[in-house]
Amino acid sequence: MDAMTRQEEDQITGLFEAYASGFDDFDADTVADHFAYPCTIWQLGKGNVFADREELLENIEALLSVFEREEIVHSSFRVIEKVLTGTVAMVTLEWQQEREDGDVALEFVCHYALVESPEGWAIATVFNEDP
């Protein structure tokens, strides 16, 4: 395993900060910008493969509808673990999604497989921990 450089750490943190901002702004396109295609999202014991951006946008828009219904306005994360091997990183985040009054609406852990390309880091696979 390679030691993650400060620059790589900053790039990966920046990826997730921008990803979270996309959710906070209810901007499905911004969220989709952070994925490599095809990508896979594992949730509730089932993997869903999204061949391209258009397929993933449908999923993101459905998720944003849940956020709207739950009145979620802010997403924050804490990095639990980061491992880098060449152009692949595994990152585990603990998320909190809050309502305007600061009440935590959702709290969960996600594991991400990231790939690095000339354009930067992107999410290849998301593993949502089941509640």
N, C-alpha and C. Protein backbone atom coordinates (compact mmCIF):
# COMPACT_ATOMS: atom_id res chain seq x y z
N MET A 1 0.83 -1.18 0.00
CA MET A 1 0.00 0.00 0.00
C MET A 1 0.87 1.24 0.00
N ASP A 2 0.45 2.21 -0.78
CA ASP A 2 1.17 3.46 -0.85
C ASP A 2 0.70 4.39 0.27
N ALA A 3 1.61 5.22 0.73
CA ALA A 3 1.21 6.27 1.66
C ALA A 3 0.52 7.35 0.85
N MET A 4 -0.59 7.84 1.35
CA MET A 4 -1.32 8.88 0.64
C MET A 4 -0.62 10.21 0.87
N THR A 5 -0.31 10.91 -0.21
CA THR A 5 0.34 12.21 -0.08
C THR A 5 -0.68 13.24 0.36
N ARG A 6 -0.19 14.35 0.84
CA ARG A 6 -1.08 15.43 1.28
C ARG A 6 -1.93 15.91 0.10
N GLN A 7 -1.31 15.99 -1.07
CA GLN A 7 -2.04 16.44 -2.26
C GLN A 7 -3.17 15.46 -2.59
N GLU A 8 -2.91 14.16 -2.52
CA GLU A 8 -3.96 13.16 -2.79
C GLU A 8 -5.06 13.24 -1.74
N GLU A 9 -4.67 13.40 -0.47
CA GLU A 9 -5.67 13.55 0.59
C GLU A 9 -6.56 14.76 0.33
N ASP A 10 -5.93 15.89 -0.04
CA ASP A 10 -6.69 17.11 -0.32
C ASP A 10 -7.62 16.92 -1.51
N GLN A 11 -7.15 16.24 -2.55
CA GLN A 11 -7.97 16.00 -3.74
C GLN A 11 -9.18 15.13 -3.38
N ILE A 12 -8.96 14.09 -2.60
CA ILE A 12 -10.05 13.19 -2.22
C ILE A 12 -11.03 13.90 -1.29
N THR A 13 -10.52 14.66 -0.33
CA THR A 13 -11.41 15.43 0.55
C THR A 13 -12.21 16.43 -0.27
N GLY A 14 -11.56 17.09 -1.23
CA GLY A 14 -12.25 18.04 -2.10
C GLY A 14 -13.35 17.38 -2.91
N LEU A 15 -13.08 16.16 -3.38
CA LEU A 15 -14.10 15.41 -4.11
C LEU A 15 -15.36 15.25 -3.25
N PHE A 16 -15.18 14.82 -2.01
CA PHE A 16 -16.34 14.58 -1.15
C PHE A 16 -17.00 15.88 -0.68
N GLU A 17 -16.23 16.94 -0.51
CA GLU A 17 -16.83 18.23 -0.17
C GLU A 17 -17.72 18.72 -1.31
N ALA A 18 -17.25 18.61 -2.55
CA ALA A 18 -18.04 19.02 -3.71
C ALA A 18 -19.25 18.11 -3.89
N TYR A 19 -19.06 16.81 -3.64
CA TYR A 19 -20.15 15.83 -3.71
C TYR A 19 -21.25 16.19 -2.71
N ALA A 20 -20.86 16.50 -1.47
CA ALA A 20 -21.82 16.89 -0.44
C ALA A 20 -22.52 18.19 -0.82
N SER A 21 -21.79 19.13 -1.38
CA SER A 21 -22.39 20.41 -1.80
C SER A 21 -23.45 20.19 -2.88
N GLY A 22 -23.19 19.23 -3.76
CA GLY A 22 -24.19 18.91 -4.78
C GLY A 22 -25.50 18.47 -4.16
N PHE A 23 -25.43 17.66 -3.10
CA PHE A 23 -26.65 17.26 -2.40
C PHE A 23 -27.28 18.45 -1.71
N ASP A 24 -26.47 19.27 -1.05
CA ASP A 24 -27.00 20.44 -0.33
C ASP A 24 -27.70 21.41 -1.27
N ASP A 25 -27.20 21.50 -2.50
CA ASP A 25 -27.78 22.40 -3.50
C ASP A 25 -28.88 21.74 -4.33
N PHE A 26 -29.18 20.47 -4.03
CA PHE A 26 -30.17 19.69 -4.80
C PHE A 26 -29.82 19.71 -6.28
N ASP A 27 -28.53 19.54 -6.57
CA ASP A 27 -28.01 19.61 -7.93
C ASP A 27 -27.55 18.21 -8.36
N ALA A 28 -28.44 17.48 -9.01
CA ALA A 28 -28.15 16.10 -9.42
C ALA A 28 -26.96 16.04 -10.38
N ASP A 29 -26.83 17.03 -11.26
CA ASP A 29 -25.71 17.04 -12.20
C ASP A 29 -24.37 17.12 -11.48
N THR A 30 -24.29 17.97 -10.46
CA THR A 30 -23.03 18.09 -9.70
C THR A 30 -22.70 16.77 -9.00
N VAL A 31 -23.70 16.13 -8.43
CA VAL A 31 -23.47 14.83 -7.77
C VAL A 31 -22.97 13.83 -8.80
N ALA A 32 -23.60 13.76 -9.95
CA ALA A 32 -23.22 12.80 -11.00
C ALA A 32 -21.83 13.07 -11.56
N ASP A 33 -21.39 14.32 -11.49
CA ASP A 33 -20.04 14.68 -11.97
C ASP A 33 -18.93 13.96 -11.22
N HIS A 34 -19.22 13.43 -10.04
CA HIS A 34 -18.18 12.84 -9.19
C HIS A 34 -18.05 11.33 -9.35
N PHE A 35 -18.71 10.79 -10.36
CA PHE A 35 -18.68 9.34 -10.61
C PHE A 35 -17.91 9.01 -11.88
N ALA A 36 -17.30 7.81 -11.86
CA ALA A 36 -16.72 7.20 -13.05
C ALA A 36 -17.78 6.21 -13.56
N TYR A 37 -17.87 6.05 -14.86
CA TYR A 37 -18.89 5.17 -15.43
C TYR A 37 -18.25 4.03 -16.19
N PRO A 38 -18.84 2.83 -16.08
CA PRO A 38 -20.00 2.49 -15.27
C PRO A 38 -19.65 2.53 -13.78
N CYS A 39 -20.67 2.68 -12.95
CA CYS A 39 -20.45 2.66 -11.50
C CYS A 39 -21.49 1.73 -10.87
N THR A 40 -21.22 1.35 -9.63
CA THR A 40 -22.11 0.45 -8.91
C THR A 40 -22.42 1.04 -7.54
N ILE A 41 -23.68 0.95 -7.15
CA ILE A 41 -24.09 1.36 -5.80
C ILE A 41 -24.72 0.14 -5.14
N TRP A 42 -24.11 -0.27 -4.03
CA TRP A 42 -24.62 -1.39 -3.24
C TRP A 42 -25.42 -0.83 -2.08
N GLN A 43 -26.68 -1.28 -1.99
CA GLN A 43 -27.55 -0.81 -0.92
C GLN A 43 -28.56 -1.90 -0.61
N LEU A 44 -28.80 -2.12 0.67
CA LEU A 44 -29.76 -3.13 1.11
C LEU A 44 -29.48 -4.50 0.50
N GLY A 45 -28.18 -4.85 0.41
CA GLY A 45 -27.77 -6.15 -0.07
C GLY A 45 -27.87 -6.34 -1.56
N LYS A 46 -28.10 -5.27 -2.31
CA LYS A 46 -28.27 -5.38 -3.76
C LYS A 46 -27.39 -4.36 -4.46
N GLY A 47 -26.70 -4.80 -5.51
CA GLY A 47 -25.87 -3.90 -6.30
C GLY A 47 -26.61 -3.43 -7.54
N ASN A 48 -26.58 -2.14 -7.77
CA ASN A 48 -27.17 -1.57 -8.97
C ASN A 48 -26.06 -0.96 -9.81
N VAL A 49 -25.97 -1.39 -11.06
CA VAL A 49 -24.95 -0.90 -11.96
C VAL A 49 -25.57 0.20 -12.83
N PHE A 50 -24.88 1.32 -12.90
CA PHE A 50 -25.32 2.44 -13.73
C PHE A 50 -24.32 2.58 -14.86
N ALA A 51 -24.77 2.27 -16.07
CA ALA A 51 -23.88 2.24 -17.23
C ALA A 51 -23.38 3.62 -17.61
N ASP A 52 -24.22 4.63 -17.37
CA ASP A 52 -23.84 5.97 -17.78
C ASP A 52 -24.48 7.01 -16.87
N ARG A 53 -24.14 8.25 -17.15
CA ARG A 53 -24.59 9.38 -16.35
C ARG A 53 -26.13 9.47 -16.30
N GLU A 54 -26.79 9.26 -17.44
CA GLU A 54 -28.25 9.38 -17.48
C GLU A 54 -28.93 8.40 -16.54
N GLU A 55 -28.44 7.16 -16.51
CA GLU A 55 -29.01 6.16 -15.60
C GLU A 55 -28.82 6.58 -14.15
N LEU A 56 -27.63 7.07 -13.82
CA LEU A 56 -27.37 7.47 -12.44
C LEU A 56 -28.19 8.70 -12.06
N LEU A 57 -28.40 9.62 -12.99
CA LEU A 57 -29.17 10.83 -12.68
C LEU A 57 -30.58 10.48 -12.19
N GLU A 58 -31.20 9.46 -12.76
CA GLU A 58 -32.53 9.04 -12.30
C GLU A 58 -32.48 8.64 -10.82
N ASN A 59 -31.45 7.89 -10.44
CA ASN A 59 -31.28 7.46 -9.06
C ASN A 59 -31.03 8.65 -8.14
N ILE A 60 -30.17 9.56 -8.56
CA ILE A 60 -29.84 10.74 -7.74
C ILE A 60 -31.09 11.60 -7.55
N GLU A 61 -31.86 11.80 -8.59
CA GLU A 61 -33.07 12.61 -8.48
C GLU A 61 -34.07 11.99 -7.51
N ALA A 62 -34.18 10.66 -7.51
CA ALA A 62 -35.05 9.98 -6.55
C ALA A 62 -34.54 10.20 -5.12
N LEU A 63 -33.22 10.12 -4.94
CA LEU A 63 -32.64 10.36 -3.62
C LEU A 63 -32.87 11.80 -3.18
N LEU A 64 -32.73 12.75 -4.07
CA LEU A 64 -32.97 14.15 -3.72
C LEU A 64 -34.43 14.39 -3.34
N SER A 65 -35.35 13.61 -3.90
CA SER A 65 -36.76 13.70 -3.50
C SER A 65 -36.94 13.28 -2.05
N VAL A 66 -36.19 12.25 -1.64
CA VAL A 66 -36.22 11.82 -0.24
C VAL A 66 -35.66 12.93 0.65
N PHE A 67 -34.56 13.54 0.22
CA PHE A 67 -33.97 14.65 0.98
C PHE A 67 -34.98 15.78 1.14
N GLU A 68 -35.69 16.09 0.07
CA GLU A 68 -36.68 17.17 0.13
C GLU A 68 -37.80 16.81 1.10
N ARG A 69 -38.28 15.59 1.01
CA ARG A 69 -39.35 15.13 1.90
C ARG A 69 -38.90 15.17 3.36
N GLU A 70 -37.63 14.80 3.61
CA GLU A 70 -37.08 14.80 4.97
C GLU A 70 -36.58 16.18 5.41
N GLU A 71 -36.67 17.17 4.50
CA GLU A 71 -36.25 18.55 4.76
C GLU A 71 -34.76 18.65 5.07
N ILE A 72 -33.95 17.82 4.40
CA ILE A 72 -32.50 17.83 4.60
C ILE A 72 -31.90 19.00 3.81
N VAL A 73 -31.09 19.80 4.50
CA VAL A 73 -30.48 20.96 3.86
C VAL A 73 -28.95 20.96 3.94
N HIS A 74 -28.40 20.08 4.79
CA HIS A 74 -26.94 20.09 4.95
C HIS A 74 -26.41 18.67 5.17
N SER A 75 -25.37 18.33 4.39
CA SER A 75 -24.70 17.03 4.52
C SER A 75 -23.28 17.26 4.98
N SER A 76 -22.86 16.53 5.99
CA SER A 76 -21.47 16.62 6.44
C SER A 76 -20.94 15.20 6.63
N PHE A 77 -19.61 15.08 6.57
CA PHE A 77 -19.01 13.76 6.70
C PHE A 77 -17.76 13.83 7.56
N ARG A 78 -17.43 12.66 8.08
CA ARG A 78 -16.19 12.47 8.83
C ARG A 78 -15.50 11.27 8.20
N VAL A 79 -14.21 11.45 7.87
CA VAL A 79 -13.45 10.36 7.28
C VAL A 79 -13.08 9.37 8.38
N ILE A 80 -13.45 8.12 8.18
CA ILE A 80 -13.13 7.07 9.15
C ILE A 80 -11.84 6.36 8.74
N GLU A 81 -11.71 6.11 7.43
CA GLU A 81 -10.52 5.38 6.96
C GLU A 81 -10.25 5.72 5.50
N LYS A 82 -8.95 5.75 5.14
CA LYS A 82 -8.53 5.98 3.75
C LYS A 82 -7.37 5.03 3.47
N VAL A 83 -7.45 4.35 2.35
CA VAL A 83 -6.37 3.46 1.92
C VAL A 83 -6.14 3.73 0.44
N LEU A 84 -4.88 3.92 0.07
CA LEU A 84 -4.53 4.19 -1.32
C LEU A 84 -3.61 3.09 -1.83
N THR A 85 -3.90 2.59 -3.01
CA THR A 85 -3.04 1.63 -3.69
C THR A 85 -2.97 2.06 -5.15
N GLY A 86 -1.89 2.71 -5.51
CA GLY A 86 -1.75 3.19 -6.89
C GLY A 86 -2.81 4.20 -7.26
N THR A 87 -3.62 3.85 -8.26
CA THR A 87 -4.67 4.77 -8.72
C THR A 87 -6.04 4.39 -8.19
N VAL A 88 -6.07 3.63 -7.10
CA VAL A 88 -7.32 3.22 -6.45
C VAL A 88 -7.25 3.61 -4.98
N ALA A 89 -8.36 4.15 -4.49
CA ALA A 89 -8.46 4.49 -3.07
C ALA A 89 -9.75 3.91 -2.52
N MET A 90 -9.69 3.45 -1.29
CA MET A 90 -10.88 3.02 -0.56
C MET A 90 -11.06 4.01 0.59
N VAL A 91 -12.23 4.60 0.67
CA VAL A 91 -12.49 5.63 1.67
C VAL A 91 -13.80 5.29 2.37
N THR A 92 -13.79 5.35 3.70
CA THR A 92 -15.00 5.13 4.48
C THR A 92 -15.36 6.44 5.16
N LEU A 93 -16.62 6.84 4.96
CA LEU A 93 -17.12 8.10 5.53
C LEU A 93 -18.33 7.83 6.41
N GLU A 94 -18.41 8.61 7.47
CA GLU A 94 -19.62 8.63 8.30
C GLU A 94 -20.35 9.92 7.94
N TRP A 95 -21.57 9.80 7.49
CA TRP A 95 -22.36 10.94 7.04
C TRP A 95 -23.41 11.34 8.07
N GLN A 96 -23.68 12.64 8.13
CA GLN A 96 -24.82 13.18 8.86
C GLN A 96 -25.54 14.13 7.91
N GLN A 97 -26.84 13.98 7.86
CA GLN A 97 -27.63 14.88 7.02
C GLN A 97 -28.67 15.53 7.92
N GLU A 98 -28.62 16.86 7.90
CA GLU A 98 -29.38 17.65 8.87
C GLU A 98 -30.46 18.49 8.23
N ARG A 99 -31.46 18.77 9.05
CA ARG A 99 -32.51 19.71 8.67
C ARG A 99 -32.04 21.13 9.00
N GLU A 100 -32.80 22.09 8.57
CA GLU A 100 -32.41 23.49 8.77
C GLU A 100 -32.19 23.85 10.24
N ASP A 101 -32.95 23.22 11.13
CA ASP A 101 -32.81 23.52 12.56
C ASP A 101 -31.65 22.77 13.22
N GLY A 102 -30.88 22.01 12.41
CA GLY A 102 -29.74 21.26 12.94
C GLY A 102 -30.06 19.85 13.38
N ASP A 103 -31.35 19.49 13.35
CA ASP A 103 -31.77 18.14 13.71
C ASP A 103 -31.20 17.15 12.69
N VAL A 104 -30.59 16.07 13.16
CA VAL A 104 -30.01 15.06 12.28
C VAL A 104 -31.15 14.18 11.76
N ALA A 105 -31.35 14.23 10.44
CA ALA A 105 -32.40 13.43 9.81
C ALA A 105 -31.90 12.04 9.46
N LEU A 106 -30.67 11.95 8.96
CA LEU A 106 -30.09 10.68 8.57
C LEU A 106 -28.64 10.62 9.03
N GLU A 107 -28.22 9.43 9.45
CA GLU A 107 -26.84 9.20 9.85
C GLU A 107 -26.47 7.79 9.39
N PHE A 108 -25.37 7.67 8.66
CA PHE A 108 -25.01 6.37 8.10
C PHE A 108 -23.54 6.35 7.70
N VAL A 109 -23.05 5.16 7.36
CA VAL A 109 -21.67 4.97 6.91
C VAL A 109 -21.69 4.46 5.48
N CYS A 110 -20.79 5.01 4.65
CA CYS A 110 -20.62 4.55 3.27
C CYS A 110 -19.14 4.28 3.02
N HIS A 111 -18.91 3.26 2.23
CA HIS A 111 -17.55 2.92 1.79
C HIS A 111 -17.50 3.22 0.30
N TYR A 112 -16.42 3.83 -0.13
CA TYR A 112 -16.27 4.25 -1.53
C TYR A 112 -15.01 3.66 -2.12
N ALA A 113 -15.14 3.13 -3.34
CA ALA A 113 -13.98 2.75 -4.14
C ALA A 113 -13.81 3.88 -5.14
N LEU A 114 -12.64 4.52 -5.12
CA LEU A 114 -12.35 5.63 -6.01
C LEU A 114 -11.30 5.21 -7.02
N VAL A 115 -11.37 5.80 -8.21
CA VAL A 115 -10.34 5.58 -9.23
C VAL A 115 -9.79 6.95 -9.63
N GLU A 116 -8.49 6.96 -9.93
CA GLU A 116 -7.86 8.20 -10.37
C GLU A 116 -7.62 8.12 -11.87
N SER A 117 -7.96 9.19 -12.54
CA SER A 117 -7.72 9.31 -13.98
C SER A 117 -7.04 10.65 -14.22
N PRO A 118 -6.68 10.96 -15.44
CA PRO A 118 -6.08 12.27 -15.70
C PRO A 118 -7.00 13.44 -15.28
N GLU A 119 -8.30 13.20 -15.23
CA GLU A 119 -9.25 14.24 -14.81
C GLU A 119 -9.35 14.36 -13.29
N GLY A 120 -8.77 13.42 -12.56
CA GLY A 120 -8.83 13.45 -11.10
C GLY A 120 -9.52 12.21 -10.55
N TRP A 121 -9.86 12.27 -9.26
CA TRP A 121 -10.49 11.15 -8.58
C TRP A 121 -11.98 11.13 -8.86
N ALA A 122 -12.55 9.91 -8.96
CA ALA A 122 -13.98 9.74 -9.18
C ALA A 122 -14.46 8.50 -8.43
N ILE A 123 -15.73 8.49 -8.11
CA ILE A 123 -16.35 7.37 -7.39
C ILE A 123 -16.71 6.27 -8.39
N ALA A 124 -16.18 5.07 -8.15
CA ALA A 124 -16.50 3.92 -9.01
C ALA A 124 -17.57 3.03 -8.37
N THR A 125 -17.50 2.89 -7.05
CA THR A 125 -18.46 2.04 -6.34
C THR A 125 -18.76 2.64 -4.98
N VAL A 126 -20.04 2.56 -4.60
CA VAL A 126 -20.49 2.99 -3.28
C VAL A 126 -21.07 1.76 -2.59
N PHE A 127 -20.65 1.55 -1.35
CA PHE A 127 -21.21 0.49 -0.52
C PHE A 127 -21.89 1.18 0.67
N ASN A 128 -23.22 1.21 0.67
CA ASN A 128 -23.95 1.79 1.80
C ASN A 128 -24.11 0.70 2.85
N GLU A 129 -23.75 1.01 4.08
CA GLU A 129 -23.98 0.05 5.16
C GLU A 129 -25.47 -0.02 5.42
N ASP A 130 -25.97 -1.23 5.54
CA ASP A 130 -27.39 -1.40 5.83
C ASP A 130 -27.67 -0.97 7.27
N PRO A 131 -28.85 -0.35 7.46
CA PRO A 131 -29.20 0.11 8.82
C PRO A 131 -29.37 -1.04 9.79
